[in-house]
Amino acid sequence: MERRIGFVGVILESRDSVDTVNHVLSEHADLILARMGLPCRDKGISVITLVVEATTDELGMLTGRLGKIQGVSVKSALAKCEKQLKGEG
């Protein structure tokens, strides 16, 4: 299965879920190329944006685990092109 570039948007509605989210992200660190976090204190939420390089199965595992965490919303997408990445081929 081809690896593709994509993104994951994570919205945390509660600070109670931060440790669990960080734990899941660290377990999938090999997929993450970049990470940016933005606390929106006035709205009581935090937003994490990830740039990933993954297969659809790998991305599904990551987003599935994140989506099961209480107070977390996740959206993701992979680019349609299937160019070879990370020295493949």
N, C-alpha and C. Protein backbone atom coordinates (compact mmCIF):
# COMPACT_ATOMS: atom_id res chain seq x y z
N MET A 1 0.85 -1.18 0.00
CA MET A 1 0.00 0.00 0.00
C MET A 1 0.89 1.24 0.00
N GLU A 2 0.53 2.23 -0.79
CA GLU A 2 1.33 3.44 -0.94
C GLU A 2 1.14 4.40 0.24
N ARG A 3 2.24 5.02 0.63
CA ARG A 3 2.17 6.08 1.63
C ARG A 3 1.91 7.40 0.91
N ARG A 4 1.07 8.24 1.50
CA ARG A 4 0.75 9.52 0.91
C ARG A 4 0.82 10.62 1.97
N ILE A 5 0.99 11.84 1.50
CA ILE A 5 1.01 12.99 2.39
C ILE A 5 -0.43 13.40 2.69
N GLY A 6 -0.66 13.82 3.93
CA GLY A 6 -1.99 14.27 4.30
C GLY A 6 -1.95 15.11 5.56
N PHE A 7 -3.12 15.37 6.10
CA PHE A 7 -3.20 16.14 7.33
C PHE A 7 -4.24 15.54 8.27
N VAL A 8 -4.09 15.87 9.53
CA VAL A 8 -5.05 15.49 10.56
C VAL A 8 -5.34 16.74 11.38
N GLY A 9 -6.60 17.06 11.54
CA GLY A 9 -7.01 18.16 12.41
C GLY A 9 -7.65 17.58 13.65
N VAL A 10 -7.17 17.99 14.81
CA VAL A 10 -7.66 17.48 16.09
C VAL A 10 -8.16 18.66 16.92
N ILE A 11 -9.39 18.59 17.38
CA ILE A 11 -9.92 19.63 18.27
C ILE A 11 -10.19 19.00 19.63
N LEU A 12 -9.57 19.57 20.65
CA LEU A 12 -9.74 19.10 22.02
C LEU A 12 -10.67 20.05 22.73
N GLU A 13 -11.80 19.54 23.18
CA GLU A 13 -12.80 20.36 23.85
C GLU A 13 -12.59 20.42 25.36
N SER A 14 -11.61 19.66 25.85
CA SER A 14 -11.34 19.61 27.29
C SER A 14 -9.86 19.36 27.53
N ARG A 15 -9.30 20.04 28.49
CA ARG A 15 -7.89 19.82 28.82
C ARG A 15 -7.68 18.44 29.45
N ASP A 16 -8.75 17.80 29.88
CA ASP A 16 -8.65 16.48 30.49
C ASP A 16 -8.14 15.43 29.51
N SER A 17 -8.31 15.67 28.22
CA SER A 17 -7.91 14.69 27.21
C SER A 17 -6.51 14.90 26.66
N VAL A 18 -5.82 15.95 27.09
CA VAL A 18 -4.51 16.30 26.52
C VAL A 18 -3.49 15.17 26.69
N ASP A 19 -3.37 14.62 27.88
CA ASP A 19 -2.38 13.55 28.11
C ASP A 19 -2.65 12.33 27.25
N THR A 20 -3.90 11.95 27.11
CA THR A 20 -4.25 10.78 26.30
C THR A 20 -3.94 11.04 24.83
N VAL A 21 -4.29 12.23 24.33
CA VAL A 21 -4.00 12.59 22.94
C VAL A 21 -2.49 12.56 22.69
N ASN A 22 -1.73 13.16 23.57
CA ASN A 22 -0.27 13.17 23.40
C ASN A 22 0.31 11.77 23.42
N HIS A 23 -0.24 10.89 24.23
CA HIS A 23 0.23 9.51 24.28
C HIS A 23 -0.03 8.80 22.95
N VAL A 24 -1.22 8.97 22.40
CA VAL A 24 -1.55 8.35 21.11
C VAL A 24 -0.65 8.91 20.01
N LEU A 25 -0.44 10.22 20.01
CA LEU A 25 0.42 10.83 18.99
C LEU A 25 1.85 10.32 19.09
N SER A 26 2.35 10.15 20.30
CA SER A 26 3.72 9.65 20.46
C SER A 26 3.85 8.21 19.97
N GLU A 27 2.79 7.42 20.11
CA GLU A 27 2.82 6.04 19.61
C GLU A 27 2.81 5.97 18.08
N HIS A 28 2.36 7.04 17.45
CA HIS A 28 2.30 7.10 15.98
C HIS A 28 3.28 8.15 15.44
N ALA A 29 4.31 8.45 16.20
CA ALA A 29 5.26 9.50 15.84
C ALA A 29 5.94 9.26 14.49
N ASP A 30 6.08 7.99 14.10
CA ASP A 30 6.74 7.69 12.83
C ASP A 30 5.92 8.17 11.62
N LEU A 31 4.65 8.47 11.79
CA LEU A 31 3.79 8.95 10.72
C LEU A 31 3.79 10.48 10.62
N ILE A 32 4.17 11.15 11.70
CA ILE A 32 4.01 12.60 11.81
C ILE A 32 5.25 13.33 11.30
N LEU A 33 5.02 14.17 10.28
CA LEU A 33 6.11 14.98 9.73
C LEU A 33 6.18 16.34 10.40
N ALA A 34 5.04 16.90 10.79
CA ALA A 34 4.99 18.21 11.43
C ALA A 34 3.77 18.27 12.34
N ARG A 35 3.89 19.11 13.38
CA ARG A 35 2.79 19.26 14.34
C ARG A 35 2.74 20.71 14.79
N MET A 36 1.52 21.25 14.83
CA MET A 36 1.34 22.60 15.34
C MET A 36 0.14 22.59 16.29
N GLY A 37 0.32 23.19 17.43
CA GLY A 37 -0.76 23.27 18.40
C GLY A 37 -1.15 24.71 18.65
N LEU A 38 -2.44 24.94 18.81
CA LEU A 38 -2.94 26.28 19.04
C LEU A 38 -3.97 26.25 20.17
N PRO A 39 -3.61 26.78 21.34
CA PRO A 39 -4.61 26.85 22.41
C PRO A 39 -5.54 28.04 22.16
N CYS A 40 -6.82 27.80 22.20
CA CYS A 40 -7.82 28.87 22.06
C CYS A 40 -8.45 29.05 23.43
N ARG A 41 -7.73 29.69 24.31
CA ARG A 41 -8.16 29.79 25.71
C ARG A 41 -9.50 30.48 25.86
N ASP A 42 -9.75 31.51 25.04
CA ASP A 42 -11.01 32.23 25.16
C ASP A 42 -12.22 31.38 24.77
N LYS A 43 -11.99 30.34 23.97
CA LYS A 43 -13.06 29.43 23.56
C LYS A 43 -13.05 28.13 24.35
N GLY A 44 -11.99 27.91 25.14
CA GLY A 44 -11.89 26.70 25.96
C GLY A 44 -11.57 25.45 25.17
N ILE A 45 -10.94 25.62 23.99
CA ILE A 45 -10.55 24.46 23.18
C ILE A 45 -9.08 24.60 22.77
N SER A 46 -8.53 23.53 22.27
CA SER A 46 -7.20 23.53 21.67
C SER A 46 -7.29 22.84 20.32
N VAL A 47 -6.46 23.27 19.38
CA VAL A 47 -6.44 22.70 18.04
C VAL A 47 -5.04 22.20 17.75
N ILE A 48 -4.94 20.98 17.26
CA ILE A 48 -3.67 20.41 16.83
C ILE A 48 -3.80 20.08 15.35
N THR A 49 -2.84 20.53 14.57
CA THR A 49 -2.78 20.19 13.16
C THR A 49 -1.53 19.36 12.91
N LEU A 50 -1.69 18.23 12.24
CA LEU A 50 -0.58 17.34 11.93
C LEU A 50 -0.44 17.22 10.42
N VAL A 51 0.81 17.18 9.95
CA VAL A 51 1.10 16.78 8.58
C VAL A 51 1.65 15.37 8.69
N VAL A 52 1.07 14.45 7.96
CA VAL A 52 1.44 13.04 8.09
C VAL A 52 1.85 12.45 6.75
N GLU A 53 2.59 11.37 6.82
CA GLU A 53 2.90 10.53 5.67
C GLU A 53 2.50 9.13 6.08
N ALA A 54 1.45 8.61 5.45
CA ALA A 54 0.88 7.35 5.93
C ALA A 54 0.09 6.66 4.83
N THR A 55 -0.15 5.38 5.05
CA THR A 55 -1.10 4.65 4.21
C THR A 55 -2.49 4.94 4.76
N THR A 56 -3.51 4.56 4.01
CA THR A 56 -4.87 4.77 4.50
C THR A 56 -5.13 3.96 5.77
N ASP A 57 -4.54 2.77 5.85
CA ASP A 57 -4.71 1.95 7.06
C ASP A 57 -4.04 2.59 8.27
N GLU A 58 -2.82 3.09 8.09
CA GLU A 58 -2.10 3.73 9.19
C GLU A 58 -2.85 4.98 9.67
N LEU A 59 -3.33 5.78 8.72
CA LEU A 59 -4.07 6.98 9.09
C LEU A 59 -5.36 6.61 9.80
N GLY A 60 -6.02 5.56 9.35
CA GLY A 60 -7.24 5.10 10.00
C GLY A 60 -7.02 4.65 11.43
N MET A 61 -5.90 3.98 11.67
CA MET A 61 -5.58 3.56 13.04
C MET A 61 -5.38 4.76 13.95
N LEU A 62 -4.62 5.75 13.45
CA LEU A 62 -4.34 6.95 14.25
C LEU A 62 -5.63 7.72 14.52
N THR A 63 -6.38 8.03 13.49
CA THR A 63 -7.58 8.83 13.69
C THR A 63 -8.66 8.08 14.46
N GLY A 64 -8.72 6.76 14.27
CA GLY A 64 -9.67 5.96 15.04
C GLY A 64 -9.41 6.01 16.52
N ARG A 65 -8.14 5.89 16.89
CA ARG A 65 -7.79 5.95 18.32
C ARG A 65 -8.06 7.34 18.89
N LEU A 66 -7.71 8.38 18.11
CA LEU A 66 -7.95 9.74 18.59
C LEU A 66 -9.45 10.01 18.74
N GLY A 67 -10.23 9.53 17.79
CA GLY A 67 -11.67 9.77 17.80
C GLY A 67 -12.41 9.11 18.94
N LYS A 68 -11.81 8.09 19.54
CA LYS A 68 -12.44 7.40 20.67
C LYS A 68 -12.23 8.13 22.01
N ILE A 69 -11.36 9.13 22.01
CA ILE A 69 -11.06 9.86 23.24
C ILE A 69 -12.17 10.86 23.52
N GLN A 70 -12.66 10.85 24.75
CA GLN A 70 -13.73 11.76 25.18
C GLN A 70 -13.33 13.21 24.94
N GLY A 71 -14.19 13.98 24.28
CA GLY A 71 -13.95 15.41 24.08
C GLY A 71 -13.01 15.73 22.93
N VAL A 72 -12.76 14.77 22.04
CA VAL A 72 -11.85 14.99 20.91
C VAL A 72 -12.60 14.78 19.60
N SER A 73 -12.43 15.73 18.68
CA SER A 73 -12.97 15.61 17.33
C SER A 73 -11.81 15.55 16.35
N VAL A 74 -11.93 14.70 15.32
CA VAL A 74 -10.82 14.48 14.38
C VAL A 74 -11.34 14.50 12.94
N LYS A 75 -10.60 15.15 12.07
CA LYS A 75 -10.84 15.11 10.63
C LYS A 75 -9.49 14.91 9.95
N SER A 76 -9.49 14.18 8.84
CA SER A 76 -8.23 13.93 8.15
C SER A 76 -8.45 13.78 6.66
N ALA A 77 -7.35 13.88 5.92
CA ALA A 77 -7.39 13.66 4.48
C ALA A 77 -5.98 13.31 4.01
N LEU A 78 -5.92 12.50 2.96
CA LEU A 78 -4.65 12.18 2.31
C LEU A 78 -4.73 12.70 0.88
N ALA A 79 -3.59 13.13 0.36
CA ALA A 79 -3.54 13.59 -1.03
C ALA A 79 -3.89 12.45 -1.96
N LYS A 80 -4.49 12.76 -3.09
CA LYS A 80 -4.87 11.73 -4.05
C LYS A 80 -3.67 11.15 -4.76
N CYS A 81 -2.63 11.97 -4.99
CA CYS A 81 -1.46 11.46 -5.70
C CYS A 81 -0.72 10.45 -4.84
N GLU A 82 -0.17 9.45 -5.45
CA GLU A 82 0.54 8.40 -4.74
C GLU A 82 2.01 8.40 -5.12
N LYS A 83 2.65 9.56 -5.02
CA LYS A 83 4.07 9.65 -5.32
C LYS A 83 4.85 8.89 -4.26
N GLN A 84 5.98 8.36 -4.65
CA GLN A 84 6.79 7.60 -3.71
C GLN A 84 7.49 8.58 -2.76
N LEU A 85 7.45 8.23 -1.48
CA LEU A 85 7.98 9.08 -0.44
C LEU A 85 8.99 8.33 0.41
N LYS A 86 9.71 9.06 1.21
CA LYS A 86 10.67 8.50 2.15
C LYS A 86 11.58 7.47 1.49
N GLY A 87 12.11 7.78 0.32
CA GLY A 87 13.09 6.92 -0.31
C GLY A 87 12.55 5.61 -0.86
N GLU A 88 11.23 5.48 -1.00
CA GLU A 88 10.68 4.25 -1.56
C GLU A 88 11.03 4.18 -3.04
N GLY A 89 11.34 3.00 -3.53
CA GLY A 89 11.57 2.75 -4.94
C GLY A 89 12.71 3.47 -5.46
